Amino acid sequence: MYAIVDIETTGGYADANGITEICIVVLDGSEVVERYETLINPLHRIPTYIEALTGISNAMVAEAPVFEEVAERIYELLKDKIFVAHSVNFDYSFVRNQLQACGYTYDANKLCTVRMSRKILPGYQSYSLGKLCNALGIKHVNHHRAGGDTDATVALFQMLLEHDQEGHILKSLKRTSKEHVLPPNVPKTDFENLPYTAGSIIFMTRKEKWYM
């Protein structure tokens, strides 16, 4: 069983920010069996630029439940399921952090639909959710809202399951694969090919480089 998740937040780091909206869709591998969506009062002020991006305002979440009030429901939906999200480490870090703050021990297998898309559906110019869905003909409405992004990710994940002829999804779920801890746009082979001897690592962008 898979739990496809998307959240909206007040910022980029789980330790210093809160969740403003969450959507969870439970998938049995082919069919949706349950769907849950709610706004959440993050007990943090939503910055103006986040409000502009998501459309979620402080007024909208003022009467919404705090995470503690919905933690049990969220935990039960996620428990014993594979946690799936587009750029999974972001969503997982927030949800796990919030559940732990409410007394729930949560540790799940994770799947990143960015990484899986790069493996199973190679060759696309962008693997952002919006651009990839547009290229694949997947309906994606309400961008940057938890419900819209989750529904698009569900459709994408169903496509990945259908086209995964080489078993990339099952391979990535093995604890030894370490796929889930890598950045979504970095191939695992780049890390496997790193030398084990001492030396310098060069970090580069298109415009500059620096050493470590």
Protein backbone atom coordinates (compact mmCIF):
# COMPACT_ATOMS: atom_id res chain seq x y z
CA MET A 1 0.00 0.00 0.00
CA TYR A 2 1.18 3.49 -0.85
CA ALA A 3 0.39 6.84 0.77
CA ILE A 4 0.89 9.66 -1.72
CA VAL A 5 1.42 12.89 0.19
CA ASP A 6 1.73 16.59 -0.50
CA ILE A 7 1.98 19.41 2.01
CA GLU A 8 2.14 23.18 1.99
CA THR A 9 4.26 24.88 4.63
CA THR A 10 5.31 28.24 6.04
CA GLY A 11 8.91 27.74 4.88
CA GLY A 12 11.56 25.33 3.69
CA TYR A 13 12.84 23.70 6.88
CA ALA A 14 10.88 21.37 9.12
CA ASP A 15 12.57 22.41 12.36
CA ALA A 16 11.61 26.06 12.03
CA ASN A 17 8.32 25.99 10.12
CA GLY A 18 4.85 24.49 10.17
CA ILE A 19 2.45 22.70 7.83
CA THR A 20 -0.45 24.76 6.46
CA GLU A 21 -2.15 22.06 4.39
CA ILE A 22 -1.86 18.32 3.83
CA CYS A 23 -3.40 15.84 1.44
CA ILE A 24 -2.94 12.06 1.66
CA VAL A 25 -4.19 9.60 -0.94
CA VAL A 26 -3.97 5.88 -0.13
CA LEU A 27 -3.32 3.75 -3.19
CA ASP A 28 -3.40 -0.04 -3.26
CA GLY A 29 -1.19 -0.15 -6.33
CA SER A 30 -3.92 0.49 -8.87
CA GLU A 31 -6.95 2.06 -7.17
CA VAL A 32 -7.42 4.93 -4.73
CA VAL A 33 -8.93 3.53 -1.54
CA GLU A 34 -8.93 6.64 0.68
CA ARG A 35 -8.33 10.38 0.45
CA TYR A 36 -7.80 12.93 3.22
CA GLU A 37 -7.25 16.67 2.89
CA THR A 38 -7.26 19.51 5.39
CA LEU A 39 -5.90 22.96 6.09
CA ILE A 40 -3.78 23.13 9.26
CA ASN A 41 -3.10 26.04 11.58
CA PRO A 42 0.71 26.05 11.65
CA LEU A 43 0.95 28.29 14.72
CA HIS A 44 3.41 30.26 12.60
CA ARG A 45 2.69 33.37 10.56
CA ILE A 46 2.59 32.58 6.86
CA PRO A 47 5.08 34.84 5.05
CA THR A 48 3.73 37.04 2.27
CA TYR A 49 5.72 35.27 -0.46
CA ILE A 50 4.39 31.85 0.67
CA GLU A 51 0.83 33.19 0.66
CA ALA A 52 1.39 34.49 -2.88
CA LEU A 53 2.70 31.09 -3.99
CA THR A 54 0.06 28.86 -2.40
CA GLY A 55 -2.91 31.17 -1.98
CA ILE A 56 -3.18 30.04 1.65
CA SER A 57 -3.53 33.03 3.95
CA ASN A 58 -3.30 33.47 7.70
CA ALA A 59 -7.05 34.10 7.75
CA MET A 60 -7.72 30.78 6.00
CA VAL A 61 -5.87 28.74 8.62
CA ALA A 62 -6.98 30.73 11.67
CA GLU A 63 -9.90 28.37 12.37
CA ALA A 64 -8.23 25.25 10.97
CA PRO A 65 -7.14 22.43 13.32
CA VAL A 66 -3.61 22.48 14.65
CA PHE A 67 -1.50 19.46 13.71
CA GLU A 68 -1.95 17.84 17.11
CA GLU A 69 -5.71 17.63 16.50
CA VAL A 70 -5.27 15.66 13.25
CA ALA A 71 -2.06 13.80 14.12
CA GLU A 72 -3.79 10.52 14.99
CA ARG A 73 -5.75 10.52 11.73
CA ILE A 74 -2.61 11.28 9.71
CA TYR A 75 -0.60 8.63 11.53
CA GLU A 76 -3.25 5.96 10.91
CA LEU A 77 -3.36 6.84 7.21
CA LEU A 78 0.42 6.65 6.86
CA LYS A 79 1.17 3.72 9.16
CA ASP A 80 2.52 0.59 7.42
CA LYS A 81 2.44 2.25 4.01
CA ILE A 82 5.13 3.43 1.62
CA PHE A 83 5.43 7.23 1.76
CA VAL A 84 5.38 8.66 -1.77
CA ALA A 85 5.88 12.30 -2.74
CA HIS A 86 7.43 14.50 -5.41
CA SER A 87 10.78 15.42 -3.81
CA VAL A 88 9.89 13.09 -0.96
CA ASN A 89 12.45 14.18 1.62
CA PHE A 90 10.82 17.61 1.95
CA ASP A 91 7.32 16.31 2.70
CA TYR A 92 8.57 13.40 4.80
CA SER A 93 10.77 15.60 7.01
CA PHE A 94 7.85 17.87 7.92
CA VAL A 95 5.33 15.10 8.52
CA ARG A 96 7.74 12.99 10.56
CA ASN A 97 8.84 16.02 12.61
CA GLN A 98 5.24 17.01 13.38
CA LEU A 99 4.20 13.44 14.24
CA GLN A 100 7.16 13.03 16.58
CA ALA A 101 6.28 16.31 18.30
CA CYS A 102 2.85 14.79 18.98
CA GLY A 103 4.33 11.60 20.44
CA TYR A 104 4.14 9.33 17.39
CA THR A 105 7.19 7.32 16.33
CA TYR A 106 7.14 7.31 12.54
CA ASP A 107 9.61 5.66 10.19
CA ALA A 108 8.58 4.60 6.71
CA ASN A 109 9.96 3.43 3.40
CA LYS A 110 9.98 6.36 0.98
CA LEU A 111 9.65 6.77 -2.77
CA CYS A 112 10.49 9.95 -4.64
CA THR A 113 8.52 10.43 -7.85
CA VAL A 114 11.19 12.83 -9.12
CA ARG A 115 13.91 10.18 -8.89
CA MET A 116 11.63 7.42 -10.18
CA SER A 117 10.49 9.59 -13.11
CA ARG A 118 14.09 10.25 -14.11
CA LYS A 119 14.75 6.50 -14.17
CA ILE A 120 11.50 5.19 -15.66
CA LEU A 121 10.63 8.11 -17.96
CA PRO A 122 14.01 9.57 -18.96
CA GLY A 123 14.64 12.37 -21.40
CA TYR A 124 12.28 15.13 -20.28
CA GLN A 125 13.54 18.68 -20.03
CA SER A 126 12.13 19.27 -16.55
CA TYR A 127 11.01 16.98 -13.75
CA SER A 128 9.17 19.61 -11.74
CA LEU A 129 5.67 18.36 -11.07
CA GLY A 130 3.89 20.97 -13.17
CA LYS A 131 6.12 20.76 -16.22
CA LEU A 132 6.39 16.97 -16.15
CA CYS A 133 2.62 16.53 -15.86
CA ASN A 134 2.13 18.95 -18.74
CA ALA A 135 4.60 16.98 -20.89
CA LEU A 136 2.90 13.68 -20.02
CA GLY A 137 -0.64 14.95 -20.50
CA ILE A 138 -1.52 14.55 -16.82
CA LYS A 139 -4.22 16.89 -15.54
CA HIS A 140 -2.80 19.17 -12.87
CA VAL A 141 -5.07 21.80 -11.34
CA ASN A 142 -4.62 23.92 -8.22
CA HIS A 143 -0.84 24.09 -8.42
CA HIS A 144 0.88 24.58 -5.05
CA ARG A 145 -2.16 23.40 -3.14
CA ALA A 146 -1.90 20.05 -1.37
CA GLY A 147 -4.96 18.51 -2.99
CA GLY A 148 -4.11 19.47 -6.56
CA ASP A 149 -0.47 18.47 -6.27
CA THR A 150 -1.32 15.16 -4.60
CA ASP A 151 -3.87 14.23 -7.27
CA ALA A 152 -1.30 14.99 -9.98
CA THR A 153 1.34 12.94 -8.15
CA VAL A 154 -1.08 10.02 -7.86
CA ALA A 155 -1.65 10.05 -11.63
CA LEU A 156 2.11 10.31 -12.23
CA PHE A 157 2.86 7.48 -9.81
CA GLN A 158 0.26 5.23 -11.44
CA MET A 159 1.99 5.90 -14.77
CA LEU A 160 5.37 5.05 -13.23
CA LEU A 161 4.02 1.76 -11.85
CA GLU A 162 2.66 0.90 -15.28
CA HIS A 163 5.89 1.69 -17.14
CA ASP A 164 8.43 0.34 -14.63
CA GLN A 165 9.58 -2.59 -16.77
CA GLU A 166 13.00 -2.80 -15.08
CA GLY A 167 11.74 -2.86 -11.50
CA HIS A 168 13.26 0.46 -10.42
CA ILE A 169 10.55 1.04 -7.80
CA LEU A 170 11.11 -2.28 -6.04
CA LYS A 171 14.89 -1.80 -6.18
CA SER A 172 14.67 1.64 -4.61
CA LEU A 173 12.58 0.29 -1.73
CA LYS A 174 15.38 -1.97 -0.57
CA ARG A 175 16.96 -0.49 2.55
CA THR A 176 20.41 -0.95 1.04
CA SER A 177 19.60 1.13 -2.05
CA LYS A 178 19.91 4.51 -0.24
CA GLU A 179 17.88 6.07 -3.08
CA HIS A 180 15.63 7.84 -0.58
CA VAL A 181 18.46 9.83 1.02
CA LEU A 182 19.85 11.29 -2.23
CA PRO A 183 18.81 14.63 -3.74
CA PRO A 184 16.09 14.02 -6.36
CA ASN A 185 18.15 15.30 -9.30
CA VAL A 186 21.42 13.47 -8.53
CA PRO A 187 21.96 9.99 -10.04
CA LYS A 188 22.99 7.31 -7.58
CA THR A 189 25.88 6.34 -9.88
CA ASP A 190 27.48 9.75 -9.24
CA PHE A 191 27.89 8.77 -5.58
CA GLU A 192 28.87 5.18 -6.32
CA ASN A 193 31.70 6.40 -8.55
CA LEU A 194 33.22 8.66 -5.90
CA PRO A 195 36.71 7.46 -4.87
CA TYR A 196 37.25 6.05 -1.39
CA THR A 197 40.67 7.69 -1.05
CA ALA A 198 41.30 11.09 0.50
CA GLY A 199 41.04 14.13 -1.75
CA SER A 200 39.16 17.31 -2.60
CA ILE A 201 35.56 17.54 -3.78
CA ILE A 202 34.66 20.26 -6.29
CA PHE A 203 31.13 21.66 -6.09
CA MET A 204 30.08 23.38 -9.31
CA THR A 205 27.22 25.39 -10.73
CA ARG A 206 26.84 26.73 -14.27
CA LYS A 207 28.40 30.05 -13.24
CA GLU A 208 31.05 29.19 -10.71
CA LYS A 209 32.84 26.48 -8.78
CA TRP A 210 34.26 26.15 -5.32
CA TYR A 211 36.28 23.53 -3.46
CA MET A 212 35.76 21.55 -0.30
